[in-house]
């Protein structure tokens, strides 16, 4: 701040600053937003082309520090909690239909919270506030969690085809080592194999038995030589092969095994996404808070060091 007189020159009005603490901070009232770090004052002699006599003016340098407790309590902590809340959706059962509703509700809550605090964040046109950048990162993460939830629900509902080999390799061999789920995966797969072996026990060599595709195997020669039955069987076999059904259709027991494998894949990927999103949220939070602390420290060192020395050396001004 600069105080000067355009009416009286230096001979008529000689201004001198009061550099004592009482003179610089006597009228300062503390508040819960800003802290007054330093007050400095100096006398500057100004020389103008229009006048032969110098003018004196006083310059005051005020260094303020915005308190971070308000932003941490009302912005940072709620955002962290909402982001971690989005991670908990991956711990719900994969086939739970409310997972998607939970994710979308959390995304709407975070967006609405951003709109509420937009009036609190100081507006700027040059550089976006760091807290706003942190908000955008969290909104992106929560949005990605919605897509991940849809993907997991889709996997858990599959049962018509087997799990691809590359996905088995990823979900049953690699990811369990990262997630410490080796024993769980082995236990579930062994249980599925036991259930599958018990369900697939079928008797062979039965007279007039039924194969896995639903067609009768006729062991009685008298029945086979019956022309009416042979024609009926051929027509049914033709309809099965050429009217929309695949020749290699899977049995009901196979589909049950596929469904169990897909469900286990969905569980493994859910845990992986939970670990991934939790790591990103924690890393982003630590990075942003560290950057804010580092930037604040650098700015204060510059304001109280080099910038202060440059300001103290400028005690004369001339427009000539």
C-alpha atoms as a PDB file:
ATOM      1  CA  UNK A   1       0.000   0.000   0.000  1.00  0.00           C
ATOM      2  CA  UNK A   2       1.215   3.485  -0.860  1.00  0.00           C
ATOM      3  CA  UNK A   3       0.274   6.744   0.901  1.00  0.00           C
ATOM      4  CA  UNK A   4       1.238  10.077  -0.654  1.00  0.00           C
ATOM      5  CA  UNK A   5       0.061  13.615  -1.226  1.00  0.00           C
ATOM      6  CA  UNK A   6      -0.306  15.297  -4.627  1.00  0.00           C
ATOM      7  CA  UNK A   7      -1.077  18.661  -3.051  1.00  0.00           C
ATOM      8  CA  UNK A   8       1.875  19.200  -0.766  1.00  0.00           C
ATOM      9  CA  UNK A   9       5.486  18.711  -1.783  1.00  0.00           C
ATOM     10  CA  UNK A  10       8.303  17.425   0.354  1.00  0.00           C
ATOM     11  CA  UNK A  11       8.993  20.796   1.966  1.00  0.00           C
ATOM     12  CA  UNK A  12       5.360  21.250   2.977  1.00  0.00           C
ATOM     13  CA  UNK A  13       4.659  17.666   4.056  1.00  0.00           C
ATOM     14  CA  UNK A  14       7.376  15.323   5.200  1.00  0.00           C
ATOM     15  CA  UNK A  15       6.034  11.831   5.862  1.00  0.00           C
ATOM     16  CA  UNK A  16       7.930   9.402   8.069  1.00  0.00           C
ATOM     17  CA  UNK A  17       6.800   5.813   8.841  1.00  0.00           C
ATOM     18  CA  UNK A  18       6.444   4.442  12.333  1.00  0.00           C
ATOM     19  CA  UNK A  19       8.305   1.138  12.096  1.00  0.00           C
ATOM     20  CA  UNK A  20       7.526  -0.019  15.597  1.00  0.00           C
ATOM     21  CA  UNK A  21       5.224  -3.022  16.088  1.00  0.00           C
ATOM     22  CA  UNK A  22       2.673  -0.816  17.808  1.00  0.00           C
ATOM     23  CA  UNK A  23       2.669   1.559  14.874  1.00  0.00           C
ATOM     24  CA  UNK A  24       2.180  -1.098  12.193  1.00  0.00           C
ATOM     25  CA  UNK A  25      -0.170  -3.596  13.867  1.00  0.00           C
ATOM     26  CA  UNK A  26      -2.026  -1.525  16.426  1.00  0.00           C
ATOM     27  CA  UNK A  27      -5.343  -1.578  14.529  1.00  0.00           C
ATOM     28  CA  UNK A  28      -5.090  -5.150  13.220  1.00  0.00           C
ATOM     29  CA  UNK A  29      -7.926  -7.463  14.232  1.00  0.00           C
ATOM     30  CA  UNK A  30      -7.356 -11.189  13.960  1.00  0.00           C
ATOM     31  CA  UNK A  31      -9.833 -13.346  12.056  1.00  0.00           C
ATOM     32  CA  UNK A  32     -10.159 -17.011  11.233  1.00  0.00           C
ATOM     33  CA  UNK A  33      -9.189 -16.754   7.567  1.00  0.00           C
ATOM     34  CA  UNK A  34      -5.949 -14.742   7.362  1.00  0.00           C
ATOM     35  CA  UNK A  35      -2.826 -14.482   9.506  1.00  0.00           C
ATOM     36  CA  UNK A  36      -0.701 -11.339   9.376  1.00  0.00           C
ATOM     37  CA  UNK A  37       2.861 -12.564   9.029  1.00  0.00           C
ATOM     38  CA  UNK A  38       4.852  -9.373   8.532  1.00  0.00           C
ATOM     39  CA  UNK A  39       4.387  -5.624   8.198  1.00  0.00           C
ATOM     40  CA  UNK A  40       7.138  -3.436   6.762  1.00  0.00           C
ATOM     41  CA  UNK A  41       7.187   0.290   6.000  1.00  0.00           C
ATOM     42  CA  UNK A  42       9.596   2.588   4.155  1.00  0.00           C
ATOM     43  CA  UNK A  43       9.896   6.151   2.975  1.00  0.00           C
ATOM     44  CA  UNK A  44      10.254   6.725  -0.760  1.00  0.00           C
ATOM     45  CA  UNK A  45      11.474   9.944  -2.359  1.00  0.00           C
ATOM     46  CA  UNK A  46       9.771  10.705  -5.658  1.00  0.00           C
ATOM     47  CA  UNK A  47      11.089  13.104  -8.311  1.00  0.00           C
ATOM     48  CA  UNK A  48       8.718  14.327 -11.023  1.00  0.00           C
ATOM     49  CA  UNK A  49       9.535  16.282 -14.188  1.00  0.00           C
ATOM     50  CA  UNK A  50       6.881  18.894 -13.485  1.00  0.00           C
ATOM     51  CA  UNK A  51       8.266  19.891 -10.106  1.00  0.00           C
ATOM     52  CA  UNK A  52      11.669  20.828  -8.796  1.00  0.00           C
ATOM     53  CA  UNK A  53      10.940  19.798  -5.228  1.00  0.00           C
ATOM     54  CA  UNK A  54      10.762  16.148  -4.306  1.00  0.00           C
ATOM     55  CA  UNK A  55       7.684  14.428  -2.943  1.00  0.00           C
ATOM     56  CA  UNK A  56       7.649  11.899  -0.136  1.00  0.00           C
ATOM     57  CA  UNK A  57       5.367   8.924   0.091  1.00  0.00           C
ATOM     58  CA  UNK A  58       5.066   5.943   2.418  1.00  0.00           C
ATOM     59  CA  UNK A  59       4.900   2.350   1.257  1.00  0.00           C
ATOM     60  CA  UNK A  60       3.683  -0.462   3.450  1.00  0.00           C
ATOM     61  CA  UNK A  61       4.313  -4.101   2.652  1.00  0.00           C
ATOM     62  CA  UNK A  62       1.882  -6.610   4.178  1.00  0.00           C
ATOM     63  CA  UNK A  63       2.445 -10.367   4.097  1.00  0.00           C
ATOM     64  CA  UNK A  64      -0.666 -12.467   4.797  1.00  0.00           C
ATOM     65  CA  UNK A  65      -1.102 -16.213   5.109  1.00  0.00           C
ATOM     66  CA  UNK A  66      -4.425 -17.892   4.456  1.00  0.00           C
ATOM     67  CA  UNK A  67      -5.282 -20.443   7.116  1.00  0.00           C
ATOM     68  CA  UNK A  68      -5.677 -23.945   5.727  1.00  0.00           C
ATOM     69  CA  UNK A  69      -7.852 -25.357   8.523  1.00  0.00           C
ATOM     70  CA  UNK A  70     -11.082 -24.181   6.895  1.00  0.00           C
ATOM     71  CA  UNK A  71     -10.290 -25.788   3.540  1.00  0.00           C
ATOM     72  CA  UNK A  72      -9.042 -29.000   5.127  1.00  0.00           C
ATOM     73  CA  UNK A  73     -12.103 -29.375   7.371  1.00  0.00           C
ATOM     74  CA  UNK A  74     -14.808 -28.372   4.903  1.00  0.00           C
ATOM     75  CA  UNK A  75     -13.345 -29.281   1.504  1.00  0.00           C
ATOM     76  CA  UNK A  76     -10.439 -31.729   1.567  1.00  0.00           C
ATOM     77  CA  UNK A  77     -11.747 -34.179   4.185  1.00  0.00           C
ATOM     78  CA  UNK A  78     -15.293 -34.440   2.684  1.00  0.00           C
ATOM     79  CA  UNK A  79     -13.835 -34.999  -0.784  1.00  0.00           C
ATOM     80  CA  UNK A  80     -11.545 -37.739   0.534  1.00  0.00           C
ATOM     81  CA  UNK A  81     -14.449 -39.432   2.304  1.00  0.00           C
ATOM     82  CA  UNK A  82     -16.668 -39.290  -0.795  1.00  0.00           C
ATOM     83  CA  UNK A  83     -13.843 -40.690  -2.938  1.00  0.00           C
ATOM     84  CA  UNK A  84     -13.149 -43.531  -0.516  1.00  0.00           C
ATOM     85  CA  UNK A  85     -16.879 -44.182  -0.358  1.00  0.00           C
ATOM     86  CA  UNK A  86     -16.781 -44.807  -4.102  1.00  0.00           C
ATOM     87  CA  UNK A  87     -14.133 -47.482  -3.498  1.00  0.00           C
ATOM     88  CA  UNK A  88     -16.422 -49.428  -1.159  1.00  0.00           C
ATOM     89  CA  UNK A  89     -18.727 -50.248  -4.075  1.00  0.00           C
ATOM     90  CA  UNK A  90     -16.172 -52.832  -5.220  1.00  0.00           C
ATOM     91  CA  UNK A  91     -16.622 -54.791  -1.993  1.00  0.00           C
ATOM     92  CA  UNK A  92     -20.292 -55.451  -2.707  1.00  0.00           C
ATOM     93  CA  UNK A  93     -21.254 -58.756  -4.388  1.00  0.00           C
ATOM     94  CA  UNK A  94     -20.618 -58.534  -8.146  1.00  0.00           C
ATOM     95  CA  UNK A  95     -24.188 -59.476  -9.063  1.00  0.00           C
ATOM     96  CA  UNK A  96     -25.742 -56.913  -6.728  1.00  0.00           C
ATOM     97  CA  UNK A  97     -27.812 -54.586  -8.886  1.00  0.00           C
ATOM     98  CA  UNK A  98     -27.593 -51.755  -6.362  1.00  0.00           C
ATOM     99  CA  UNK A  99     -23.860 -51.363  -7.050  1.00  0.00           C
ATOM    100  CA  UNK A 100     -24.559 -49.177 -10.057  1.00  0.00           C
ATOM    101  CA  UNK A 101     -27.095 -47.064  -8.190  1.00  0.00           C
ATOM    102  CA  UNK A 102     -24.613 -46.594  -5.366  1.00  0.00           C
ATOM    103  CA  UNK A 103     -21.856 -45.450  -7.771  1.00  0.00           C
ATOM    104  CA  UNK A 104     -24.054 -42.985  -9.640  1.00  0.00           C
ATOM    105  CA  UNK A 105     -25.425 -41.552  -6.381  1.00  0.00           C
ATOM    106  CA  UNK A 106     -21.890 -41.017  -5.114  1.00  0.00           C
ATOM    107  CA  UNK A 107     -20.920 -39.273  -8.358  1.00  0.00           C
ATOM    108  CA  UNK A 108     -23.933 -36.957  -8.121  1.00  0.00           C
ATOM    109  CA  UNK A 109     -23.100 -36.177  -4.485  1.00  0.00           C
ATOM    110  CA  UNK A 110     -19.527 -35.240  -5.385  1.00  0.00           C
ATOM    111  CA  UNK A 111     -20.677 -33.044  -8.288  1.00  0.00           C
ATOM    112  CA  UNK A 112     -23.235 -31.304  -6.101  1.00  0.00           C
ATOM    113  CA  UNK A 113     -20.635 -30.732  -3.387  1.00  0.00           C
ATOM    114  CA  UNK A 114     -18.307 -29.151  -5.946  1.00  0.00           C
ATOM    115  CA  UNK A 115     -21.066 -26.754  -6.958  1.00  0.00           C
ATOM    116  CA  UNK A 116     -21.625 -25.775  -3.336  1.00  0.00           C
ATOM    117  CA  UNK A 117     -18.001 -24.935  -2.605  1.00  0.00           C
ATOM    118  CA  UNK A 118     -17.410 -23.123  -5.906  1.00  0.00           C
ATOM    119  CA  UNK A 119     -18.551 -19.948  -4.152  1.00  0.00           C
ATOM    120  CA  UNK A 120     -15.968 -20.445  -1.401  1.00  0.00           C
ATOM    121  CA  UNK A 121     -12.960 -20.979  -3.682  1.00  0.00           C
ATOM    122  CA  UNK A 122     -11.424 -17.645  -4.746  1.00  0.00           C
ATOM    123  CA  UNK A 123     -12.086 -17.029  -8.457  1.00  0.00           C
ATOM    124  CA  UNK A 124      -9.093 -16.705 -10.743  1.00  0.00           C
ATOM    125  CA  UNK A 125      -8.707 -16.445 -14.488  1.00  0.00           C
ATOM    126  CA  UNK A 126      -5.025 -17.270 -14.919  1.00  0.00           C
ATOM    127  CA  UNK A 127      -4.287 -20.373 -12.880  1.00  0.00           C
ATOM    128  CA  UNK A 128      -6.801 -22.875 -11.572  1.00  0.00           C
ATOM    129  CA  UNK A 129      -6.716 -23.310  -7.777  1.00  0.00           C
ATOM    130  CA  UNK A 130      -4.964 -26.466  -6.632  1.00  0.00           C
ATOM    131  CA  UNK A 131      -8.009 -27.550  -4.646  1.00  0.00           C
ATOM    132  CA  UNK A 132     -10.101 -27.292  -7.821  1.00  0.00           C
ATOM    133  CA  UNK A 133      -7.620 -29.528  -9.651  1.00  0.00           C
ATOM    134  CA  UNK A 134      -7.914 -32.041  -6.820  1.00  0.00           C
ATOM    135  CA  UNK A 135     -11.687 -31.916  -7.161  1.00  0.00           C
ATOM    136  CA  UNK A 136     -11.492 -32.672 -10.878  1.00  0.00           C
ATOM    137  CA  UNK A 137      -9.209 -35.650 -10.249  1.00  0.00           C
ATOM    138  CA  UNK A 138     -11.629 -37.102  -7.712  1.00  0.00           C
ATOM    139  CA  UNK A 139     -14.626 -36.606 -10.032  1.00  0.00           C
ATOM    140  CA  UNK A 140     -12.751 -38.408 -12.810  1.00  0.00           C
ATOM    141  CA  UNK A 141     -11.925 -41.281 -10.449  1.00  0.00           C
ATOM    142  CA  UNK A 142     -15.529 -41.632  -9.284  1.00  0.00           C
ATOM    143  CA  UNK A 143     -16.721 -41.528 -12.910  1.00  0.00           C
ATOM    144  CA  UNK A 144     -14.287 -44.306 -13.804  1.00  0.00           C
ATOM    145  CA  UNK A 145     -15.591 -46.326 -10.868  1.00  0.00           C
ATOM    146  CA  UNK A 146     -19.060 -46.205 -12.461  1.00  0.00           C
ATOM    147  CA  UNK A 147     -17.677 -47.679 -15.700  1.00  0.00           C
ATOM    148  CA  UNK A 148     -15.754 -50.308 -13.721  1.00  0.00           C
ATOM    149  CA  UNK A 149     -18.931 -51.229 -11.852  1.00  0.00           C
ATOM    150  CA  UNK A 150     -20.838 -51.725 -15.113  1.00  0.00           C
ATOM    151  CA  UNK A 151     -17.999 -53.886 -16.428  1.00  0.00           C
ATOM    152  CA  UNK A 152     -17.967 -56.086 -13.321  1.00  0.00           C
ATOM    153  CA  UNK A 153     -21.759 -56.540 -13.339  1.00  0.00           C
ATOM    154  CA  UNK A 154     -21.539 -57.581 -16.985  1.00  0.00           C
ATOM    155  CA  UNK A 155     -18.861 -60.186 -16.205  1.00  0.00           C
ATOM    156  CA  UNK A 156     -20.776 -61.652 -13.272  1.00  0.00           C
ATOM    157  CA  UNK A 157     -23.876 -62.225 -15.418  1.00  0.00           C
ATOM    158  CA  UNK A 158     -22.139 -64.231 -18.153  1.00  0.00           C
ATOM    159  CA  UNK A 159     -22.709 -67.977 -18.431  1.00  0.00           C
ATOM    160  CA  UNK A 160     -23.055 -68.837 -22.118  1.00  0.00           C
ATOM    161  CA  UNK A 161     -19.349 -69.087 -22.943  1.00  0.00           C
ATOM    162  CA  UNK A 162     -16.242 -70.152 -21.029  1.00  0.00           C
ATOM    163  CA  UNK A 163     -13.751 -67.712 -19.584  1.00  0.00           C
ATOM    164  CA  UNK A 164     -10.970 -66.984 -22.119  1.00  0.00           C
ATOM    165  CA  UNK A 165      -7.565 -68.427 -21.344  1.00  0.00           C
ATOM    166  CA  UNK A 166      -5.878 -65.039 -21.082  1.00  0.00           C
ATOM    167  CA  UNK A 167      -8.472 -63.862 -18.579  1.00  0.00           C
ATOM    168  CA  UNK A 168      -8.065 -67.049 -16.531  1.00  0.00           C
ATOM    169  CA  UNK A 169      -4.326 -66.489 -16.532  1.00  0.00           C
ATOM    170  CA  UNK A 170      -4.812 -62.898 -15.386  1.00  0.00           C
ATOM    171  CA  UNK A 171      -7.586 -63.428 -12.825  1.00  0.00           C
ATOM    172  CA  UNK A 172      -6.609 -66.833 -11.425  1.00  0.00           C
ATOM    173  CA  UNK A 173      -2.805 -66.695 -11.542  1.00  0.00           C
ATOM    174  CA  UNK A 174      -1.423 -63.134 -11.606  1.00  0.00           C
ATOM    175  CA  UNK A 175      -3.883 -60.906  -9.751  1.00  0.00           C
ATOM    176  CA  UNK A 176      -4.291 -63.214  -6.717  1.00  0.00           C
ATOM    177  CA  UNK A 177      -0.566 -62.766  -5.995  1.00  0.00           C
ATOM    178  CA  UNK A 178      -1.003 -58.995  -5.946  1.00  0.00           C
ATOM    179  CA  UNK A 179      -4.198 -59.100  -3.915  1.00  0.00           C
ATOM    180  CA  UNK A 180      -3.083 -61.894  -1.529  1.00  0.00           C
ATOM    181  CA  UNK A 181      -6.037 -64.031  -2.576  1.00  0.00           C
ATOM    182  CA  UNK A 182      -4.204 -67.181  -3.652  1.00  0.00           C
ATOM    183  CA  UNK A 183      -5.723 -69.399  -0.979  1.00  0.00           C
ATOM    184  CA  UNK A 184      -9.213 -68.004  -1.574  1.00  0.00           C
ATOM    185  CA  UNK A 185      -9.058 -68.561  -5.339  1.00  0.00           C
ATOM    186  CA  UNK A 186      -7.715 -72.094  -4.967  1.00  0.00           C
ATOM    187  CA  UNK A 187     -10.382 -72.955  -2.410  1.00  0.00           C
ATOM    188  CA  UNK A 188     -13.230 -71.648  -4.589  1.00  0.00           C
ATOM    189  CA  UNK A 189     -11.923 -73.355  -7.726  1.00  0.00           C
ATOM    190  CA  UNK A 190     -11.527 -76.662  -5.947  1.00  0.00           C
ATOM    191  CA  UNK A 191     -15.065 -76.372  -4.602  1.00  0.00           C
ATOM    192  CA  UNK A 192     -16.358 -75.625  -8.096  1.00  0.00           C
ATOM    193  CA  UNK A 193     -14.490 -78.610  -9.530  1.00  0.00           C
ATOM    194  CA  UNK A 194     -15.927 -80.911  -6.862  1.00  0.00           C
ATOM    195  CA  UNK A 195     -19.447 -79.664  -7.505  1.00  0.00           C
ATOM    196  CA  UNK A 196     -18.957 -80.002 -11.249  1.00  0.00           C
ATOM    197  CA  UNK A 197     -17.642 -83.573 -11.032  1.00  0.00           C
ATOM    198  CA  UNK A 198     -20.602 -84.616  -8.900  1.00  0.00           C
ATOM    199  CA  UNK A 199     -23.086 -82.984 -11.267  1.00  0.00           C
ATOM    200  CA  UNK A 200     -21.513 -84.504 -14.388  1.00  0.00           C
ATOM    201  CA  UNK A 201     -21.715 -88.130 -13.205  1.00  0.00           C
ATOM    202  CA  UNK A 202     -23.883 -89.787 -15.815  1.00  0.00           C
ATOM    203  CA  UNK A 203     -24.507 -93.393 -16.611  1.00  0.00           C
ATOM    204  CA  UNK A 204     -23.368 -94.663 -19.973  1.00  0.00           C
ATOM    205  CA  UNK A 205     -24.547 -97.623 -21.981  1.00  0.00           C
ATOM    206  CA  UNK A 206     -28.186 -97.219 -20.986  1.00  0.00           C
ATOM    207  CA  UNK A 207     -30.797 -98.471 -23.344  1.00  0.00           C
ATOM    208  CA  UNK A 208     -32.578 -95.574 -25.013  1.00  0.00           C
ATOM    209  CA  UNK A 209     -30.211 -93.095 -23.200  1.00  0.00           C
ATOM    210  CA  UNK A 210     -30.058 -89.362 -23.861  1.00  0.00           C
ATOM    211  CA  UNK A 211     -26.863 -87.588 -24.957  1.00  0.00           C
ATOM    212  CA  UNK A 212     -25.658 -84.168 -23.816  1.00  0.00           C
ATOM    213  CA  UNK A 213     -27.334 -82.464 -26.765  1.00  0.00           C
ATOM    214  CA  UNK A 214     -30.752 -83.825 -25.902  1.00  0.00           C
ATOM    215  CA  UNK A 215     -31.012 -86.637 -28.529  1.00  0.00           C
ATOM    216  CA  UNK A 216     -31.749 -90.222 -27.763  1.00  0.00           C
ATOM    217  CA  UNK A 217     -29.201 -92.959 -28.387  1.00  0.00           C
ATOM    218  CA  UNK A 218     -31.146 -96.033 -29.439  1.00  0.00           C
ATOM    219  CA  UNK A 219     -29.541 -99.274 -28.391  1.00  0.00           C
ATOM    220  CA  UNK A 220     -32.458-101.548 -29.337  1.00  0.00           C
ATOM    221  CA  UNK A 221     -32.047-102.750 -32.976  1.00  0.00           C
ATOM    222  CA  UNK A 222     -35.782-103.262 -33.326  1.00  0.00           C
ATOM    223  CA  UNK A 223     -36.361 -99.606 -32.563  1.00  0.00           C
ATOM    224  CA  UNK A 224     -33.556 -98.482 -34.878  1.00  0.00           C
ATOM    225  CA  UNK A 225     -34.990-100.478 -37.802  1.00  0.00           C
ATOM    226  CA  UNK A 226     -38.344 -98.759 -37.350  1.00  0.00           C
ATOM    227  CA  UNK A 227     -38.573 -96.424 -40.351  1.00  0.00           C
ATOM    228  CA  UNK A 228     -41.060 -94.013 -38.763  1.00  0.00           C
ATOM    229  CA  UNK A 229     -38.852 -93.491 -35.736  1.00  0.00           C
ATOM    230  CA  UNK A 230     -35.719 -93.065 -37.912  1.00  0.00           C
ATOM    231  CA  UNK A 231     -37.377 -90.335 -39.990  1.00  0.00           C
ATOM    232  CA  UNK A 232     -38.587 -88.530 -36.873  1.00  0.00           C
ATOM    233  CA  UNK A 233     -35.121 -88.677 -35.330  1.00  0.00           C
ATOM    234  CA  UNK A 234     -33.478 -87.382 -38.528  1.00  0.00           C
ATOM    235  CA  UNK A 235     -35.874 -84.437 -38.725  1.00  0.00           C
ATOM    236  CA  UNK A 236     -35.206 -83.487 -35.106  1.00  0.00           C
ATOM    237  CA  UNK A 237     -31.461 -83.740 -35.637  1.00  0.00           C
ATOM    238  CA  UNK A 238     -31.722 -81.584 -38.769  1.00  0.00           C
ATOM    239  CA  UNK A 239     -33.684 -78.912 -36.894  1.00  0.00           C
ATOM    240  CA  UNK A 240     -31.128 -78.913 -34.115  1.00  0.00           C
ATOM    241  CA  UNK A 241     -28.165 -78.429 -36.476  1.00  0.00           C
ATOM    242  CA  UNK A 242     -29.523 -76.037 -39.065  1.00  0.00           C
ATOM    243  CA  UNK A 243     -32.299 -73.982 -37.504  1.00  0.00           C
ATOM    244  CA  UNK A 244     -30.502 -71.580 -35.177  1.00  0.00           C
ATOM    245  CA  UNK A 245     -28.821 -74.012 -32.767  1.00  0.00           C
ATOM    246  CA  UNK A 246     -25.095 -74.530 -32.751  1.00  0.00           C
ATOM    247  CA  UNK A 247     -23.812 -78.036 -33.243  1.00  0.00           C
ATOM    248  CA  UNK A 248     -21.475 -77.490 -30.271  1.00  0.00           C
ATOM    249  CA  UNK A 249     -24.010 -76.155 -27.796  1.00  0.00           C
ATOM    250  CA  UNK A 250     -23.029 -76.368 -24.154  1.00  0.00           C
ATOM    251  CA  UNK A 251     -24.943 -78.433 -21.680  1.00  0.00           C
ATOM    252  CA  UNK A 252     -26.707 -77.042 -18.671  1.00  0.00           C
ATOM    253  CA  UNK A 253     -23.952 -78.293 -16.379  1.00  0.00           C
ATOM    254  CA  UNK A 254     -21.294 -76.585 -18.516  1.00  0.00           C
ATOM    255  CA  UNK A 255     -23.150 -73.275 -18.292  1.00  0.00           C
ATOM    256  CA  UNK A 256     -23.272 -73.624 -14.526  1.00  0.00           C
ATOM    257  CA  UNK A 257     -19.487 -74.069 -14.460  1.00  0.00           C
ATOM    258  CA  UNK A 258     -18.989 -71.087 -16.765  1.00  0.00           C
ATOM    259  CA  UNK A 259     -21.202 -68.924 -14.545  1.00  0.00           C
ATOM    260  CA  UNK A 260     -19.159 -69.836 -11.466  1.00  0.00           C
ATOM    261  CA  UNK A 261     -15.884 -69.037 -13.248  1.00  0.00           C
ATOM    262  CA  UNK A 262     -17.178 -65.686 -14.492  1.00  0.00           C
ATOM    263  CA  UNK A 263     -18.449 -64.857 -11.012  1.00  0.00           C
ATOM    264  CA  UNK A 264     -15.024 -65.592  -9.536  1.00  0.00           C
ATOM    265  CA  UNK A 265     -13.387 -63.428 -12.214  1.00  0.00           C
ATOM    266  CA  UNK A 266     -15.737 -60.583 -11.290  1.00  0.00           C
ATOM    267  CA  UNK A 267     -14.807 -60.924  -7.611  1.00  0.00           C
ATOM    268  CA  UNK A 268     -11.060 -60.843  -8.369  1.00  0.00           C
ATOM    269  CA  UNK A 269     -11.407 -57.796 -10.647  1.00  0.00           C
ATOM    270  CA  UNK A 270     -13.561 -56.045  -8.035  1.00  0.00           C
ATOM    271  CA  UNK A 271     -10.806 -56.409  -5.455  1.00  0.00           C
ATOM    272  CA  UNK A 272      -8.229 -55.253  -7.989  1.00  0.00           C
ATOM    273  CA  UNK A 273     -10.228 -52.130  -8.868  1.00  0.00           C
ATOM    274  CA  UNK A 274     -10.722 -51.419  -5.163  1.00  0.00           C
ATOM    275  CA  UNK A 275      -6.963 -51.563  -4.572  1.00  0.00           C
ATOM    276  CA  UNK A 276      -6.240 -49.498  -7.689  1.00  0.00           C
ATOM    277  CA  UNK A 277      -8.763 -46.757  -6.913  1.00  0.00           C
ATOM    278  CA  UNK A 278      -7.785 -46.602  -3.258  1.00  0.00           C
ATOM    279  CA  UNK A 279      -4.113 -46.239  -4.231  1.00  0.00           C
ATOM    280  CA  UNK A 280      -4.895 -43.457  -6.702  1.00  0.00           C
ATOM    281  CA  UNK A 281      -7.048 -41.560  -4.186  1.00  0.00           C
ATOM    282  CA  UNK A 282      -4.392 -41.758  -1.463  1.00  0.00           C
ATOM    283  CA  UNK A 283      -1.555 -40.907  -3.850  1.00  0.00           C
ATOM    284  CA  UNK A 284      -3.460 -37.947  -5.313  1.00  0.00           C
ATOM    285  CA  UNK A 285      -4.324 -36.633  -1.867  1.00  0.00           C
ATOM    286  CA  UNK A 286      -0.755 -36.903  -0.584  1.00  0.00           C
ATOM    287  CA  UNK A 287       0.614 -35.349  -3.786  1.00  0.00           C
ATOM    288  CA  UNK A 288      -1.778 -32.397  -3.705  1.00  0.00           C
ATOM    289  CA  UNK A 289      -1.243 -31.688  -0.009  1.00  0.00           C
ATOM    290  CA  UNK A 290       2.544 -31.975  -0.416  1.00  0.00           C
ATOM    291  CA  UNK A 291       2.465 -29.639  -3.389  1.00  0.00           C
ATOM    292  CA  UNK A 292       0.392 -27.091  -1.481  1.00  0.00           C
ATOM    293  CA  UNK A 293       2.778 -27.213   1.471  1.00  0.00           C
ATOM    294  CA  UNK A 294       5.855 -26.969  -0.768  1.00  0.00           C
ATOM    295  CA  UNK A 295       4.429 -24.115  -2.834  1.00  0.00           C
ATOM    296  CA  UNK A 296       3.424 -22.219   0.282  1.00  0.00           C
ATOM    297  CA  UNK A 297       6.879 -22.680   1.795  1.00  0.00           C
ATOM    298  CA  UNK A 298       8.633 -21.489  -1.370  1.00  0.00           C
ATOM    299  CA  UNK A 299       6.367 -18.457  -1.703  1.00  0.00           C
ATOM    300  CA  UNK A 300       6.945 -17.435   1.905  1.00  0.00           C
ATOM    301  CA  UNK A 301      10.690 -17.834   1.602  1.00  0.00           C
ATOM    302  CA  UNK A 302      10.625 -15.694  -1.512  1.00  0.00           C
ATOM    303  CA  UNK A 303       8.293 -13.101   0.030  1.00  0.00           C
ATOM    304  CA  UNK A 304      10.310 -12.841   3.224  1.00  0.00           C
ATOM    305  CA  UNK A 305      13.695 -13.111   1.521  1.00  0.00           C
ATOM    306  CA  UNK A 306      14.607 -11.966  -1.958  1.00  0.00           C
ATOM    307  CA  UNK A 307      11.419 -10.024  -2.641  1.00  0.00           C
ATOM    308  CA  UNK A 308      11.754  -8.206   0.672  1.00  0.00           C
ATOM    309  CA  UNK A 309      15.372  -7.238  -0.058  1.00  0.00           C
ATOM    310  CA  UNK A 310      14.411  -5.895  -3.488  1.00  0.00           C
ATOM    311  CA  UNK A 311      11.576  -3.908  -1.965  1.00  0.00           C
ATOM    312  CA  UNK A 312      13.841  -2.398   0.724  1.00  0.00           C
ATOM    313  CA  UNK A 313      16.429  -1.210  -1.804  1.00  0.00           C
ATOM    314  CA  UNK A 314      13.959   0.851  -3.857  1.00  0.00           C
ATOM    315  CA  UNK A 315      13.754   4.120  -1.923  1.00  0.00           C
ATOM    316  CA  UNK A 316      13.838   6.575  -4.827  1.00  0.00           C
ATOM    317  CA  UNK A 317      11.472   7.038  -7.737  1.00  0.00           C
ATOM    318  CA  UNK A 318      11.816   9.303 -10.761  1.00  0.00           C
ATOM    319  CA  UNK A 319       9.686   9.679 -13.877  1.00  0.00           C
ATOM    320  CA  UNK A 320      12.291  11.755 -15.697  1.00  0.00           C
END
